[in-house]
C-alpha cells in the first residue's frame, strides 16, 4: 500500500504534528460523506429517494450498514413516480444487503392525503414493503387521533394495523356492521 501526504508550505508546527496522527484499521474501513442522496429502485423502478446530511458506511460490519446520524428524509414513490409518503427522522441505520432501514428519534411519516404517523422508532422491511414498530404510535387523520403500541403498515399507509389501540378509531360507513 502506498501512502501520500501533502504538507502545504508555511504550516505551523502544530498542523504538521497532526499529519503524523496514526489512523487505526477500523477507521480505514469506515467511509464518510456529507449531503448524500440515495435512490432505491426495484426492477428498474424508482421506489424511494433518501437524503441525509451525514452518511457513515461500514461495509466490513456483519451485516454491512450505513448510519445517518444528522437527520434523514425519505420520499416513497408509486409506479407513476408520484410521492406516496415522506418519512423524516433524526437518525437511521440502512442495511445495504437487505435495503431495510431502522429509523429512530422523532419519526414522522406523512402520506399524500396529509395523514400523519408519529413514533420514536420504526423499521422499513423492503422485502415485505411494510413498516413495523413495537413502540407507541400516534396516527392523525383529519381531526381523528388514534394511539397504540405497535404498528404494521404498507408504504402509503392506506392499510394500517395498530396494536393495543386507544383513542378515536375512524371507520368508513361501508365498514360498519349492519344494524338490526
Protein backbone atom coordinates (compact mmCIF):
# COMPACT_ATOMS: atom_id res chain seq x y z
CA UNK A 1 0.00 0.00 0.00
CA UNK A 2 1.34 3.42 -0.94
CA UNK A 3 0.58 6.48 1.16
CA UNK A 4 0.99 10.07 0.08
CA UNK A 5 0.94 13.01 2.46
CA UNK A 6 0.79 16.56 1.18
CA UNK A 7 2.01 19.17 3.61
CA UNK A 8 1.46 22.73 2.44
CA UNK A 9 4.36 25.14 2.84
CA UNK A 10 4.00 27.60 5.66
CA UNK A 11 2.23 25.21 8.06
CA UNK A 12 2.53 25.76 11.75
CA UNK A 13 4.32 23.12 13.71
CA UNK A 14 1.00 22.04 15.35
CA UNK A 15 -0.62 21.26 12.00
CA UNK A 16 2.41 19.25 10.88
CA UNK A 17 2.20 17.14 14.02
CA UNK A 18 -1.50 16.50 13.22
CA UNK A 19 -0.50 15.00 9.86
CA UNK A 20 1.52 12.37 11.71
CA UNK A 21 -1.58 11.13 13.55
CA UNK A 22 -1.98 7.36 13.24
CA UNK A 23 -5.18 6.09 11.65
CA UNK A 24 -6.50 2.80 13.01
CA UNK A 25 -7.52 -0.10 10.78
CA UNK A 26 -11.13 0.30 11.98
CA UNK A 27 -11.15 3.97 10.90
CA UNK A 28 -9.88 2.97 7.45
CA UNK A 29 -12.86 0.63 6.98
CA UNK A 30 -15.45 3.37 7.53
CA UNK A 31 -16.43 5.75 4.71
CA UNK A 32 -17.92 9.17 5.47
CA UNK A 33 -19.75 11.59 3.20
CA UNK A 34 -21.79 14.78 3.58
CA UNK A 35 -25.06 15.73 1.85
CA UNK A 36 -25.86 12.36 0.29
CA UNK A 37 -28.82 11.29 -1.86
CA UNK A 38 -29.53 7.58 -2.39
CA UNK A 39 -32.03 6.34 -4.98
CA UNK A 40 -33.62 2.97 -4.16
CA UNK A 41 -35.04 1.03 -7.08
CA UNK A 42 -36.57 -2.36 -7.68
CA UNK A 43 -36.67 -3.99 -11.12
CA UNK A 44 -35.75 -0.69 -12.76
CA UNK A 45 -38.43 1.36 -10.99
CA UNK A 46 -37.51 4.09 -8.51
CA UNK A 47 -39.17 3.28 -5.20
CA UNK A 48 -37.60 5.82 -2.86
CA UNK A 49 -35.16 8.71 -2.57
CA UNK A 50 -33.25 9.06 0.69
CA UNK A 51 -31.41 12.26 1.62
CA UNK A 52 -29.18 12.87 4.62
CA UNK A 53 -26.62 15.41 5.83
CA UNK A 54 -24.13 12.79 7.05
CA UNK A 55 -23.52 9.31 5.77
CA UNK A 56 -21.22 6.81 7.53
CA UNK A 57 -20.73 3.49 5.75
CA UNK A 58 -19.26 0.35 7.28
CA UNK A 59 -19.11 -2.45 4.69
CA UNK A 60 -16.99 -4.65 6.97
CA UNK A 61 -19.70 -4.90 9.62
CA UNK A 62 -21.84 -8.04 9.75
CA UNK A 63 -24.29 -7.10 8.24
CA UNK A 64 -22.93 -4.04 6.40
CA UNK A 65 -24.74 -0.77 7.17
CA UNK A 66 -24.94 2.97 6.59
CA UNK A 67 -25.56 5.29 9.54
CA UNK A 68 -27.32 8.63 9.20
CA UNK A 69 -26.95 10.50 12.48
CA UNK A 70 -27.79 14.04 11.36
CA UNK A 71 -31.31 13.55 10.07
CA UNK A 72 -32.84 11.98 7.00
CA UNK A 73 -35.75 12.39 4.63
CA UNK A 74 -37.12 9.54 2.51
CA UNK A 75 -39.66 10.06 -0.26
CA UNK A 76 -41.52 6.89 -1.32
CA UNK A 77 -42.81 6.80 -4.91
CA UNK A 78 -45.56 4.88 -6.67
CA UNK A 79 -45.09 3.42 -10.18
CA UNK A 80 -46.03 6.79 -11.72
CA UNK A 81 -43.20 8.49 -9.75
CA UNK A 82 -45.73 10.34 -7.57
CA UNK A 83 -44.71 10.77 -3.93
CA UNK A 84 -46.90 8.46 -1.83
CA UNK A 85 -45.38 9.28 1.55
CA UNK A 86 -42.49 11.13 3.15
CA UNK A 87 -40.58 9.85 6.18
CA UNK A 88 -38.34 12.04 8.34
CA UNK A 89 -36.29 11.13 11.43
CA UNK A 90 -33.24 12.31 13.35
CA UNK A 91 -31.24 9.08 12.95
CA UNK A 92 -31.30 5.90 10.89
CA UNK A 93 -29.35 2.79 10.01
CA UNK A 94 -29.72 1.43 6.48
CA UNK A 95 -28.74 -2.20 5.94
CA UNK A 96 -27.24 -2.31 2.43
CA UNK A 97 -27.74 -6.03 1.70
CA UNK A 98 -31.45 -6.14 2.58
CA UNK A 99 -32.35 -2.47 1.93
CA UNK A 100 -34.11 -2.47 5.31
CA UNK A 101 -33.90 0.67 7.38
CA UNK A 102 -34.24 1.35 11.11
CA UNK A 103 -35.33 4.95 11.75
CA UNK A 104 -35.28 6.48 15.20
CA UNK A 105 -35.95 9.66 17.16
CA UNK A 106 -38.84 11.91 16.14
CA UNK A 107 -40.03 9.65 13.32
CA UNK A 108 -42.75 11.30 11.22
CA UNK A 109 -44.45 9.84 8.15
CA UNK A 110 -46.89 11.93 6.12
CA UNK A 111 -48.79 10.36 3.21
CA UNK A 112 -50.20 12.09 0.14
CA UNK A 113 -53.56 12.59 1.95
CA UNK A 114 -51.85 14.52 4.75
CA UNK A 115 -52.33 11.72 7.29
CA UNK A 116 -49.50 11.50 9.83
CA UNK A 117 -47.79 8.77 11.80
CA UNK A 118 -45.58 9.70 14.74
CA UNK A 119 -43.36 7.31 16.70
CA UNK A 120 -39.84 7.07 18.15
CA UNK A 121 -38.66 4.00 16.25
CA UNK A 122 -39.73 2.15 13.13
CA UNK A 123 -38.39 -0.44 10.69
CA UNK A 124 -38.97 -0.50 6.93
CA UNK A 125 -38.86 -4.11 5.67
CA UNK A 126 -38.00 -3.83 1.99
CA UNK A 127 -38.87 -7.44 1.06
CA UNK A 128 -42.37 -7.15 2.56
CA UNK A 129 -42.72 -3.45 1.60
CA UNK A 130 -44.05 -2.68 5.10
CA UNK A 131 -43.32 -0.53 8.12
CA UNK A 132 -43.19 -2.09 11.59
CA UNK A 133 -42.77 -0.85 15.14
CA UNK A 134 -43.37 -2.12 18.66
CA UNK A 135 -43.12 1.40 20.13
CA UNK A 136 -46.01 3.77 20.95
CA UNK A 137 -47.55 5.36 17.84
CA UNK A 138 -49.87 8.26 17.09
CA UNK A 139 -51.91 8.39 13.86
CA UNK A 140 -53.53 11.69 12.86
CA UNK A 141 -56.23 11.60 10.18
CA UNK A 142 -58.02 14.92 9.89
CA UNK A 143 -59.48 15.60 13.34
CA UNK A 144 -59.17 11.96 14.42
CA UNK A 145 -56.19 10.90 16.58
CA UNK A 146 -55.50 7.23 17.28
CA UNK A 147 -52.89 5.93 19.71
CA UNK A 148 -51.43 2.49 20.13
CA UNK A 149 -48.36 0.44 20.91
CA UNK A 150 -47.07 -1.38 17.86
CA UNK A 151 -47.90 -0.98 14.21
CA UNK A 152 -47.73 -2.67 10.83
CA UNK A 153 -48.46 -0.63 7.68
CA UNK A 154 -47.92 -0.56 3.93
CA UNK A 155 -45.79 2.09 2.24
CA UNK A 156 -48.51 4.68 1.58
CA UNK A 157 -50.35 3.99 4.88
CA UNK A 158 -53.56 3.10 3.06
CA UNK A 159 -53.52 -0.07 5.19
CA UNK A 160 -52.53 0.11 8.88
CA UNK A 161 -52.79 -2.36 11.73
CA UNK A 162 -52.32 -0.72 15.13
CA UNK A 163 -51.80 -2.97 18.12
CA UNK A 164 -53.11 -2.08 21.60
CA UNK A 165 -55.15 0.74 20.07
CA UNK A 166 -56.81 3.58 22.02
CA UNK A 167 -58.39 6.91 21.11
CA UNK A 168 -60.74 7.72 18.25
CA UNK A 169 -60.95 4.92 15.74
CA UNK A 170 -62.13 6.06 12.29
CA UNK A 171 -64.41 3.62 10.48
CA UNK A 172 -65.72 4.07 6.93
CA UNK A 173 -69.51 3.92 6.58
CA UNK A 174 -69.34 0.81 4.38
CA UNK A 175 -67.25 -0.95 7.06
CA UNK A 176 -69.89 -0.55 9.77
CA UNK A 177 -71.69 -3.74 10.84
CA UNK A 178 -75.34 -3.91 9.76
CA UNK A 179 -77.89 -2.80 12.34
CA UNK A 180 -80.87 -5.00 13.14
